[in-house]
Amino acid sequence: MRTLVVLACLALCAPAWGQQKPCTVQDYSDPAKAPDWRCPGPDEGILVPDIKFNPSLGVPAGSSVHLKGAKKPSLIGFDTVLLDRAKVTQLGLRIQGLRRLRWLERHKTAEVVKIERRYMSDRLTAQLKLEQSRVKVAVQQRDQARKERDRARAWYRSWSFGLVVGVVTTTAATIAIAYAAK
């Protein structure tokens, strides 16, 4: 009995094993992990619009048109579009190519933004250093000018200059008084 239950479970689960896993929207955030290109990417509905094109052969729903070796359309109520196998392969490859390009573009954009951010940071750091060096040079020039001004002004404030002026003034006053008294 146990063997029959196991065989029944295996027989019922066998069709599910043959099916592929369902496609889910892929995550493009990890650059190291390539997504499944057969499944749609994020926001793909916005990127790939629903294009109305003229197919090579359209069969209206419920029509009695049959091709050699073709079965009756299985989609009841919907128009059927018959495409060449090469056209279907080409369209599938284009969609997969678009998905690859979007994935690469997303990660390339992240790298470009990272490089631009580093460039702007380095540029602003260099400008800041330049302005700091300009301020430092301007302060040094101001201090040097003050020192030279103080040195140029200091000769008439010195003690020896006062002594010389005092001796000359006293001598001139003495001579003037002696001349006036005579």
Protein backbone atom coordinates (compact mmCIF):
# COMPACT_ATOMS: atom_id res chain seq x y z
CA MET A 1 0.00 0.00 0.00
CA ARG A 2 2.81 2.37 0.89
CA THR A 3 4.43 1.67 -2.46
CA LEU A 4 1.19 2.51 -4.28
CA VAL A 5 0.94 5.84 -2.42
CA VAL A 6 4.53 6.71 -3.29
CA LEU A 7 4.01 5.76 -6.94
CA ALA A 8 0.77 7.77 -7.08
CA CYS A 9 2.54 10.84 -5.63
CA LEU A 10 5.38 10.48 -8.12
CA ALA A 11 2.96 10.06 -11.02
CA LEU A 12 0.95 13.13 -10.01
CA CYS A 13 4.03 15.30 -9.39
CA ALA A 14 5.90 14.28 -12.55
CA PRO A 15 4.18 16.85 -14.82
CA ALA A 16 5.08 19.64 -12.38
CA TRP A 17 8.75 18.62 -12.46
CA GLY A 18 8.89 19.05 -16.22
CA GLN A 19 7.58 22.60 -16.07
CA GLN A 20 9.93 25.52 -15.90
CA LYS A 21 9.78 27.83 -12.94
CA PRO A 22 7.48 30.81 -13.50
CA CYS A 23 9.03 34.03 -14.68
CA THR A 24 9.13 36.78 -12.11
CA VAL A 25 10.30 40.34 -12.52
CA GLN A 26 14.08 40.26 -12.34
CA ASP A 27 16.17 42.24 -9.88
CA TYR A 28 18.89 44.29 -11.58
CA SER A 29 20.43 45.65 -8.37
CA ASP A 30 23.24 43.08 -8.06
CA PRO A 31 25.90 43.56 -10.78
CA ALA A 32 27.60 40.26 -9.92
CA LYS A 33 24.48 38.16 -10.52
CA ALA A 34 23.16 38.06 -14.08
CA PRO A 35 19.38 37.77 -14.22
CA ASP A 36 17.32 35.34 -16.31
CA TRP A 37 17.04 37.08 -19.67
CA ARG A 38 13.88 35.22 -20.60
CA CYS A 39 11.97 36.91 -17.77
CA PRO A 40 10.91 40.59 -17.75
CA GLY A 41 13.06 43.22 -16.12
CA PRO A 42 11.94 45.97 -13.73
CA ASP A 43 9.56 48.52 -15.26
CA GLU A 44 9.75 46.75 -18.60
CA GLY A 45 6.13 47.61 -19.37
CA ILE A 46 7.15 51.28 -19.56
CA LEU A 47 10.21 50.56 -21.71
CA VAL A 48 8.58 48.22 -24.24
CA PRO A 49 5.25 49.68 -25.33
CA ASP A 50 2.46 47.58 -26.74
CA ILE A 51 3.12 48.01 -30.45
CA LYS A 52 0.37 47.36 -32.97
CA PHE A 53 2.02 46.01 -36.07
CA ASN A 54 0.73 44.42 -39.23
CA PRO A 55 1.54 40.73 -39.03
CA SER A 56 2.34 38.69 -42.06
CA LEU A 57 -0.82 36.62 -41.61
CA GLY A 58 -3.71 37.21 -39.22
CA VAL A 59 -6.49 34.73 -38.64
CA PRO A 60 -9.67 36.17 -37.08
CA ALA A 61 -11.23 34.34 -34.15
CA GLY A 62 -13.59 31.57 -35.12
CA SER A 63 -12.54 31.60 -38.79
CA SER A 64 -12.52 28.48 -40.80
CA VAL A 65 -9.13 29.21 -42.41
CA HIS A 66 -6.76 26.29 -41.87
CA LEU A 67 -3.19 25.90 -43.02
CA LYS A 68 -1.68 22.58 -44.05
CA GLY A 69 -0.65 20.67 -40.96
CA ALA A 70 -1.85 23.45 -38.63
CA LYS A 71 -4.31 22.71 -35.89
CA LYS A 72 -7.38 24.78 -35.31
CA PRO A 73 -6.54 27.86 -33.18
CA SER A 74 -6.77 26.95 -29.51
CA LEU A 75 -7.48 30.46 -28.28
CA ILE A 76 -11.21 30.82 -28.55
CA GLY A 77 -12.40 34.40 -28.86
CA PHE A 78 -9.00 35.89 -29.72
CA ASP A 79 -7.52 36.71 -33.09
CA THR A 80 -4.52 34.61 -33.96
CA VAL A 81 -1.31 35.91 -35.48
CA LEU A 82 0.79 33.48 -37.42
CA LEU A 83 4.44 34.43 -37.66
CA ASP A 84 7.37 32.80 -39.29
CA ARG A 85 9.60 30.89 -36.85
CA ALA A 86 12.56 33.09 -37.78
CA LYS A 87 10.52 36.22 -36.98
CA VAL A 88 9.55 34.86 -33.57
CA THR A 89 13.17 33.97 -32.83
CA GLN A 90 14.29 37.43 -33.96
CA LEU A 91 11.73 39.16 -31.74
CA GLY A 92 12.69 36.97 -28.77
CA LEU A 93 16.38 37.73 -29.24
CA ARG A 94 15.66 41.44 -29.49
CA ILE A 95 13.75 41.36 -26.22
CA GLN A 96 16.56 39.46 -24.52
CA GLY A 97 19.07 41.91 -25.98
CA LEU A 98 17.08 44.85 -24.63
CA ARG A 99 17.01 43.22 -21.21
CA ARG A 100 20.79 42.76 -21.29
CA LEU A 101 21.30 46.36 -22.36
CA ARG A 102 19.07 47.65 -19.56
CA TRP A 103 20.93 45.53 -17.00
CA LEU A 104 24.31 46.72 -18.25
CA GLU A 105 23.11 50.31 -18.47
CA ARG A 106 21.84 50.27 -14.89
CA HIS A 107 25.18 49.08 -13.53
CA LYS A 108 27.19 51.29 -15.86
CA THR A 109 25.14 54.26 -14.73
CA ALA A 110 25.83 53.39 -11.10
CA GLU A 111 29.56 53.26 -11.83
CA VAL A 112 29.44 56.53 -13.81
CA VAL A 113 27.62 58.24 -10.94
CA LYS A 114 30.20 56.90 -8.50
CA ILE A 115 33.05 58.21 -10.69
CA GLU A 116 31.35 61.60 -11.14
CA ARG A 117 30.78 61.86 -7.39
CA ARG A 118 34.47 61.10 -6.73
CA TYR A 119 35.50 63.63 -9.42
CA MET A 120 33.30 66.36 -7.93
CA SER A 121 34.61 65.59 -4.45
CA ASP A 122 38.24 65.74 -5.61
CA ARG A 123 37.55 68.93 -7.56
CA LEU A 124 35.90 70.65 -4.60
CA THR A 125 38.72 69.50 -2.31
CA ALA A 126 41.29 70.96 -4.73
CA GLN A 127 39.36 74.25 -4.93
CA LEU A 128 39.16 74.39 -1.14
CA LYS A 129 42.92 73.81 -0.83
CA LEU A 130 43.56 76.48 -3.47
CA GLU A 131 41.42 79.02 -1.63
CA GLN A 132 43.04 78.13 1.69
CA SER A 133 46.50 78.64 0.17
CA ARG A 134 45.37 81.98 -1.30
CA VAL A 135 44.11 83.10 2.09
CA LYS A 136 47.36 81.95 3.73
CA VAL A 137 49.47 83.88 1.17
CA ALA A 138 47.28 87.00 1.58
CA VAL A 139 47.65 86.84 5.39
CA GLN A 140 51.43 86.41 5.05
CA GLN A 141 51.64 89.37 2.67
CA ARG A 142 49.52 91.50 5.05
CA ASP A 143 51.74 90.59 8.01
CA GLN A 144 54.91 91.29 6.01
CA ALA A 145 53.55 94.69 4.93
CA ARG A 146 52.72 95.55 8.56
CA LYS A 147 56.22 94.58 9.66
CA GLU A 148 57.81 96.70 6.94
CA ARG A 149 55.49 99.62 7.82
CA ASP A 150 56.38 99.33 11.48
CA ARG A 151 60.09 99.17 10.65
CA ALA A 152 59.80 102.22 8.38
CA ARG A 153 57.93 104.17 11.06
CA ALA A 154 60.16 103.10 13.93
CA TRP A 155 63.17 105.41 13.22
CA TYR A 156 61.50 108.53 14.62
CA ARG A 157 60.11 106.68 17.67
CA SER A 158 63.45 105.32 18.79
CA TRP A 159 65.30 106.49 21.96
CA SER A 160 68.39 107.62 20.04
CA PHE A 161 66.27 109.80 17.72
CA GLY A 162 64.67 111.46 20.80
CA LEU A 163 68.09 112.08 22.34
CA VAL A 164 69.45 113.63 19.14
CA VAL A 165 66.35 115.82 18.74
CA GLY A 166 66.59 116.86 22.40
CA VAL A 167 70.27 117.82 22.12
CA VAL A 168 69.70 119.75 18.88
CA THR A 169 66.64 121.54 20.30
CA THR A 170 68.43 122.44 23.55
CA THR A 171 71.50 123.70 21.67
CA ALA A 172 69.38 125.78 19.32
CA ALA A 173 67.40 127.24 22.23
CA THR A 174 70.59 128.09 24.11
CA ILE A 175 72.11 129.81 21.08
CA ALA A 176 68.90 131.70 20.43
CA ILE A 177 68.72 132.95 24.03
CA ALA A 178 72.42 133.94 24.02
CA TYR A 179 72.04 135.79 20.76
CA ALA A 180 68.91 137.53 22.01
CA ALA A 181 70.61 138.56 25.23
CA LYS A 182 73.50 140.22 23.47
